[in-house]
N, C-alpha and C. Protein backbone atom coordinates (compact mmCIF):
# COMPACT_ATOMS: atom_id res chain seq x y z
N UNK A 1 52.92 161.04 202.35
CA UNK A 1 53.79 162.88 202.68
C UNK A 1 55.02 161.97 202.66
N UNK A 2 56.08 162.95 202.66
CA UNK A 2 57.39 162.35 202.41
C UNK A 2 58.18 164.30 202.68
N UNK A 3 59.16 164.05 203.99
CA UNK A 3 60.00 164.72 203.93
C UNK A 3 61.50 164.42 203.49
N UNK A 4 62.25 165.14 203.30
CA UNK A 4 63.60 165.19 203.15
C UNK A 4 64.71 166.12 203.84
N UNK A 5 65.18 165.69 205.04
CA UNK A 5 66.33 167.00 205.19
C UNK A 5 67.52 166.68 204.80
N UNK A 6 68.40 167.54 204.89
CA UNK A 6 70.01 167.53 204.81
C UNK A 6 70.75 168.51 205.68
N UNK A 7 71.95 168.25 206.02
CA UNK A 7 72.87 169.14 206.72
C UNK A 7 74.37 168.40 206.16
N UNK A 8 75.33 169.69 206.06
CA UNK A 8 76.04 169.49 205.71
C UNK A 8 77.35 169.67 207.12
N UNK A 9 78.20 168.65 206.91
CA UNK A 9 79.05 168.78 208.02
C UNK A 9 80.61 168.88 207.94
N UNK A 10 81.25 168.76 208.75
CA UNK A 10 82.68 169.43 208.77
C UNK A 10 83.21 168.51 207.74
N UNK A 11 84.01 168.88 206.78
CA UNK A 11 84.43 168.10 205.37
C UNK A 11 83.69 168.03 204.59
N UNK A 12 82.75 169.16 204.78
CA UNK A 12 81.60 168.99 203.48
C UNK A 12 80.71 167.82 202.98
N UNK A 13 80.65 166.82 203.96
CA UNK A 13 80.01 165.50 203.70
C UNK A 13 78.31 166.20 204.17
N UNK A 14 77.34 165.38 202.99
CA UNK A 14 75.64 165.64 203.08
C UNK A 14 75.55 164.66 204.15
N UNK A 15 74.70 164.96 204.70
CA UNK A 15 73.70 163.56 205.42
C UNK A 15 72.22 164.18 205.38
N UNK A 16 71.71 162.77 205.45
CA UNK A 16 70.33 162.86 204.98
C UNK A 16 69.38 162.38 205.86
N UNK A 17 68.08 162.78 205.88
CA UNK A 17 67.18 162.52 206.72
C UNK A 17 65.84 162.71 206.44
N UNK A 18 65.09 161.28 206.21
CA UNK A 18 63.85 161.25 205.63
C UNK A 18 62.90 160.88 206.40
N UNK A 19 61.95 161.53 206.37
CA UNK A 19 60.49 160.77 207.04
C UNK A 19 59.32 160.50 205.65
N UNK A 20 58.61 159.53 206.35
CA UNK A 20 57.59 159.34 205.27
C UNK A 20 56.49 158.12 205.47
N UNK A 21 55.29 158.51 204.99
CA UNK A 21 54.37 157.69 205.66
C UNK A 21 53.64 156.73 204.49
N UNK A 22 54.09 156.21 203.78
CA UNK A 22 53.75 155.78 202.43
C UNK A 22 53.46 154.25 202.83
N UNK A 23 54.31 153.53 203.40
CA UNK A 23 54.04 152.24 203.71
C UNK A 23 53.16 151.91 204.88
N UNK A 24 52.13 150.87 204.93
CA UNK A 24 51.12 150.86 205.60
C UNK A 24 51.91 149.56 206.39
N UNK A 25 51.43 149.31 207.64
CA UNK A 25 51.72 148.03 208.32
C UNK A 25 50.46 147.02 208.09
N UNK A 26 50.53 145.59 208.19
CA UNK A 26 49.52 144.63 208.09
C UNK A 26 48.65 144.47 209.39
N UNK A 27 49.52 144.73 210.41
CA UNK A 27 48.62 144.78 211.84
C UNK A 27 48.31 146.17 212.13
N UNK A 28 49.03 147.58 211.56
CA UNK A 28 48.76 148.77 212.18
C UNK A 28 48.03 149.74 210.89
N UNK A 29 47.12 150.67 211.38
CA UNK A 29 46.64 150.91 210.28
C UNK A 29 47.78 152.55 209.62
N UNK A 30 48.54 152.63 210.33
CA UNK A 30 49.30 154.19 210.24
C UNK A 30 50.83 153.47 210.66
N UNK A 31 51.46 153.83 209.99
CA UNK A 31 53.39 154.04 209.77
C UNK A 31 54.28 155.09 209.13
N UNK A 32 54.85 155.11 209.84
CA UNK A 32 56.06 156.28 209.73
C UNK A 32 57.23 155.53 209.47
N UNK A 33 58.06 155.70 208.33
CA UNK A 33 59.40 155.37 208.05
C UNK A 33 60.00 156.51 208.15
N UNK A 34 61.30 155.98 209.09
CA UNK A 34 62.83 157.19 208.87
C UNK A 34 63.55 156.71 208.16
N UNK A 35 64.46 157.13 207.44
CA UNK A 35 65.93 157.03 207.41
C UNK A 35 66.46 158.18 207.12
N UNK A 36 67.97 157.60 207.37
CA UNK A 36 68.91 158.51 207.63
C UNK A 36 70.14 158.20 207.32
N UNK A 37 71.37 158.74 207.05
CA UNK A 37 72.69 158.54 207.00
C UNK A 37 73.21 159.60 205.54
N UNK A 38 74.59 159.09 205.10
CA UNK A 38 74.96 159.79 203.85
C UNK A 38 74.28 159.56 202.71
N UNK A 39 73.96 158.19 202.50
CA UNK A 39 72.84 157.96 201.51
C UNK A 39 71.68 157.60 201.62
N UNK A 40 70.17 157.63 201.46
CA UNK A 40 69.36 157.59 201.63
C UNK A 40 68.91 155.82 201.07
N UNK A 41 69.87 155.69 200.42
CA UNK A 41 69.86 153.89 199.82
C UNK A 41 70.44 153.07 200.80
N UNK A 42 71.79 153.79 201.39
CA UNK A 42 72.46 152.63 202.57
C UNK A 42 72.48 153.18 203.81
N UNK A 43 71.63 154.13 204.21
CA UNK A 43 71.42 154.60 205.21
C UNK A 43 70.85 153.71 206.53
N UNK A 44 70.61 154.19 207.53
CA UNK A 44 69.47 153.36 208.43
C UNK A 44 68.13 153.55 208.30
N UNK A 45 67.65 152.88 209.13
CA UNK A 45 66.41 152.67 208.84
C UNK A 45 65.48 152.29 209.91
N UNK A 46 64.35 152.84 210.02
CA UNK A 46 63.76 152.76 211.08
C UNK A 46 62.03 152.71 210.96
N UNK A 47 61.31 151.96 211.80
CA UNK A 47 59.76 151.98 211.50
C UNK A 47 58.90 152.18 212.77
N UNK A 48 57.99 153.04 212.62
CA UNK A 48 56.60 153.49 213.75
C UNK A 48 55.54 153.06 213.39
N UNK A 49 54.73 152.43 214.44
CA UNK A 49 53.32 151.86 214.29
C UNK A 49 52.44 152.33 214.83
N UNK A 50 51.42 152.77 214.67
CA UNK A 50 50.29 153.57 215.36
C UNK A 50 48.76 153.34 215.09
N UNK A 51 48.06 153.25 216.12
CA UNK A 51 46.68 152.72 215.83
C UNK A 51 45.56 154.03 215.50
N UNK A 52 46.06 155.18 215.66
CA UNK A 52 45.81 156.56 215.05
C UNK A 52 46.24 157.37 214.22
N UNK A 53 45.46 158.18 213.59
CA UNK A 53 46.09 159.04 212.94
C UNK A 53 46.79 160.28 213.63
N UNK A 54 46.09 160.58 214.56
CA UNK A 54 46.56 161.43 215.60
C UNK A 54 48.25 161.02 216.38
N UNK A 55 48.20 159.50 216.71
CA UNK A 55 49.41 159.47 217.07
C UNK A 55 50.33 159.55 216.34
N UNK A 56 50.09 158.93 214.88
CA UNK A 56 50.96 159.43 214.02
C UNK A 56 51.50 160.88 213.71
N UNK A 57 50.43 161.84 213.56
CA UNK A 57 50.85 162.99 213.34
C UNK A 57 51.82 163.94 214.57
N UNK A 58 51.19 163.22 215.75
CA UNK A 58 52.15 163.51 216.32
C UNK A 58 53.81 163.32 217.00
N UNK A 59 53.78 161.80 216.16
CA UNK A 59 54.92 161.44 216.41
C UNK A 59 56.02 162.21 215.14
N UNK A 60 55.19 162.66 213.92
CA UNK A 60 55.87 163.25 212.78
C UNK A 60 56.36 164.61 213.01
N UNK A 61 55.44 165.25 213.92
CA UNK A 61 56.03 166.62 214.27
C UNK A 61 56.84 166.81 215.54
N UNK A 62 56.97 165.61 216.33
CA UNK A 62 57.95 165.68 217.20
C UNK A 62 59.30 165.31 216.48
N UNK A 63 59.14 164.51 215.64
CA UNK A 63 60.94 164.31 214.83
C UNK A 63 60.94 165.54 214.30
N UNK A 64 60.32 166.29 213.40
CA UNK A 64 60.45 167.65 212.80
C UNK A 64 61.18 168.59 213.65
N UNK A 65 59.88 169.00 214.60
CA UNK A 65 60.57 169.72 215.65
C UNK A 65 62.06 169.45 215.94
N UNK A 66 62.20 168.35 216.17
CA UNK A 66 63.80 167.85 216.96
C UNK A 66 64.90 168.17 215.58
N UNK A 67 64.36 167.46 214.55
CA UNK A 67 65.42 167.66 213.43
C UNK A 67 65.37 169.05 212.67
N UNK A 68 64.57 169.75 212.91
CA UNK A 68 64.70 170.79 212.12
C UNK A 68 65.63 171.66 212.81
N UNK A 69 66.27 171.56 214.01
CA UNK A 69 67.17 172.42 214.47
C UNK A 69 68.47 172.62 213.86
N UNK A 70 68.76 171.42 213.51
CA UNK A 70 70.06 171.58 212.46
C UNK A 70 70.12 170.93 211.40
N UNK A 71 69.17 170.54 210.95
CA UNK A 71 68.84 170.19 209.19
C UNK A 71 67.90 171.11 208.37
N UNK A 72 68.16 171.17 207.19
CA UNK A 72 67.33 172.26 206.51
C UNK A 72 66.45 171.29 205.87
N UNK A 73 65.35 171.69 205.02
CA UNK A 73 64.52 171.30 204.29
C UNK A 73 64.77 170.84 202.72
N UNK A 74 64.91 169.72 202.47
CA UNK A 74 65.46 169.38 200.81
C UNK A 74 64.37 169.26 199.97
N UNK A 75 63.19 168.30 200.39
CA UNK A 75 62.17 168.08 199.66
C UNK A 75 61.04 167.69 200.72
N UNK A 76 60.00 168.13 200.14
CA UNK A 76 59.01 167.75 200.73
C UNK A 76 57.31 167.50 199.87
N UNK A 77 56.62 166.50 199.96
CA UNK A 77 55.50 166.30 199.33
C UNK A 77 54.55 165.92 200.25
N UNK A 78 53.20 166.59 199.71
CA UNK A 78 51.93 165.96 201.26
C UNK A 78 50.98 165.78 199.55
N UNK A 79 50.18 164.84 200.20
CA UNK A 79 49.36 164.51 199.46
C UNK A 79 48.16 165.36 199.69
N UNK A 80 47.19 165.14 199.02
CA UNK A 80 45.84 165.86 198.83
C UNK A 80 44.87 165.84 199.88
N UNK A 81 43.99 166.37 200.70
CA UNK A 81 43.13 165.40 201.30
C UNK A 81 41.88 164.91 200.74
N UNK A 82 41.74 164.78 199.67
CA UNK A 82 40.99 163.80 198.64
C UNK A 82 41.70 162.53 198.57
N UNK A 83 42.61 162.15 199.03
CA UNK A 83 43.13 160.99 199.41
C UNK A 83 42.96 160.25 200.68
N UNK A 84 42.85 160.91 201.26
CA UNK A 84 42.63 160.80 202.65
C UNK A 84 43.43 160.93 203.29
N UNK A 85 44.72 161.52 203.21
CA UNK A 85 45.66 161.69 204.36
C UNK A 85 45.60 163.66 205.08
N UNK A 86 45.57 163.00 206.14
CA UNK A 86 45.26 164.55 206.77
C UNK A 86 46.33 165.32 207.23
N UNK A 87 47.33 165.57 206.77
CA UNK A 87 48.70 165.90 207.21
C UNK A 87 48.76 167.43 207.75
N UNK A 88 47.71 168.08 207.28
CA UNK A 88 47.70 169.52 207.57
C UNK A 88 48.50 170.29 208.11
N UNK A 89 48.45 169.54 209.17
CA UNK A 89 49.01 170.26 210.54
C UNK A 89 51.00 169.73 210.33
N UNK A 90 51.11 169.24 210.06
CA UNK A 90 52.69 168.62 209.76
C UNK A 90 52.86 170.00 208.96
N UNK A 91 52.11 169.65 207.60
CA UNK A 91 52.60 170.85 206.52
C UNK A 91 52.74 172.26 207.22
N UNK A 92 51.60 172.70 208.12
CA UNK A 92 51.28 173.99 208.58
C UNK A 92 52.95 174.14 209.67
N UNK A 93 53.33 172.89 209.90
CA UNK A 93 54.99 173.32 210.95
C UNK A 93 55.67 173.35 210.11
N UNK A 94 55.85 172.88 208.88
CA UNK A 94 57.09 173.17 207.79
C UNK A 94 57.10 174.80 207.31
N UNK A 95 55.79 174.91 207.29
CA UNK A 95 55.76 176.43 206.55
C UNK A 95 56.20 177.68 207.40
N UNK A 96 56.09 177.10 208.85
CA UNK A 96 56.24 178.03 209.92
C UNK A 96 57.76 177.84 210.44
N UNK A 97 58.62 176.96 209.89
CA UNK A 97 60.28 177.04 210.08
C UNK A 97 60.86 177.84 209.27
N UNK A 98 61.97 178.14 209.87
CA UNK A 98 62.60 179.23 208.93
C UNK A 98 63.85 178.66 207.57
């Protein structure tokens, strides 16, 4: 799953916020990485690690609810269920946002 958000600030600068669950941790079965800044390549980065899929999805929902108040969705990608990723509740959250 990957969601990239953006917002325009004063001076017409674009700020990005990216959330993904592509990287797995050696010691935790579930991980979420967020990146933010004017450039996703040079911005800041933070990792969250979880023991269960429910904890991970709860964190993703929390981040999206907070960030979608000021950011807009630029890009989103969700794996299909056959790959083992169950992000349908997060995908549903995005579909109900303005």
